[in-house]
Protein backbone atom coordinates (compact mmCIF):
# COMPACT_ATOMS: atom_id res chain seq x y z
CA MET A 1 0.00 0.00 0.00
CA GLU A 2 2.18 2.79 -1.31
CA GLY A 3 -0.13 5.64 -0.30
CA GLN A 4 -0.15 4.54 3.34
CA GLU A 5 3.65 4.20 3.39
CA ASN A 6 3.94 7.70 1.94
CA PHE A 7 1.57 9.03 4.59
CA GLU A 8 3.60 7.36 7.36
CA HIS A 9 6.71 9.10 6.04
CA ILE A 10 4.88 12.44 5.96
CA LYS A 11 3.57 11.84 9.48
CA GLU A 12 7.05 11.09 10.83
CA ARG A 13 8.41 14.29 9.23
CA PHE A 14 5.46 16.22 10.63
CA ILE A 15 5.92 14.91 14.17
CA THR A 16 9.60 15.89 14.28
CA ALA A 17 9.21 19.23 12.47
CA ASP A 18 9.27 22.59 14.20
CA LEU A 19 6.17 24.79 14.08
CA ASP A 20 7.03 26.54 10.81
CA ASP A 21 7.76 23.25 9.07
CA LYS A 22 4.56 21.69 10.45
CA VAL A 23 2.61 24.53 8.85
CA LYS A 24 4.52 24.13 5.55
CA ILE A 25 3.95 20.38 5.47
CA TYR A 26 0.26 20.63 6.39
CA THR A 27 -0.47 23.32 3.80
CA SER A 28 1.62 21.88 0.96
CA VAL A 29 0.96 18.13 1.05
CA GLN A 30 -1.69 17.11 -1.45
CA GLY A 31 -3.78 14.02 -1.91
CA LEU A 32 -4.37 13.18 1.74
CA SER A 33 -7.74 12.02 2.96
CA VAL A 34 -9.71 13.97 5.57
CA ASP A 35 -8.77 11.30 8.13
CA GLN A 36 -5.07 11.69 7.29
CA TYR A 37 -5.27 15.47 7.76
CA LYS A 38 -7.02 14.87 11.09
CA GLU A 39 -4.26 12.44 12.07
CA LEU A 40 -1.63 15.12 11.41
CA LEU A 41 -3.56 17.62 13.51
CA LYS A 42 -3.14 15.32 16.51
CA TYR A 43 0.55 16.24 16.41
CA PHE A 44 0.05 19.98 15.96
CA PRO A 45 0.36 22.14 19.10
CA ILE A 46 -3.18 23.27 19.84
CA LYS A 47 -2.08 26.67 21.12
CA HIS A 48 -0.72 27.45 17.63
CA LEU A 49 -3.81 26.48 15.61
CA VAL A 50 -4.40 30.16 14.77
CA THR A 51 -1.04 30.16 12.96
CA LEU A 52 -2.17 27.19 10.87
CA GLU A 53 -5.56 28.75 10.18
CA LYS A 54 -3.90 31.95 8.93
CA ALA A 55 -1.58 29.98 6.67
CA MET A 56 -4.52 28.14 5.15
CA SER A 57 -6.56 31.21 4.32
């Protein structure tokens, strides 16, 4: 399952990334399912969600 392996790689990068890189990864990765985006959000610091929201608008 190549897509799942790719997502696991993205998730590992996301978990270890600093805040700026988390935002870049989240806003630039394409082709993820809603559930995969939700999975990444579990590893995003909740107090910085405004930063992510601004980057997405």
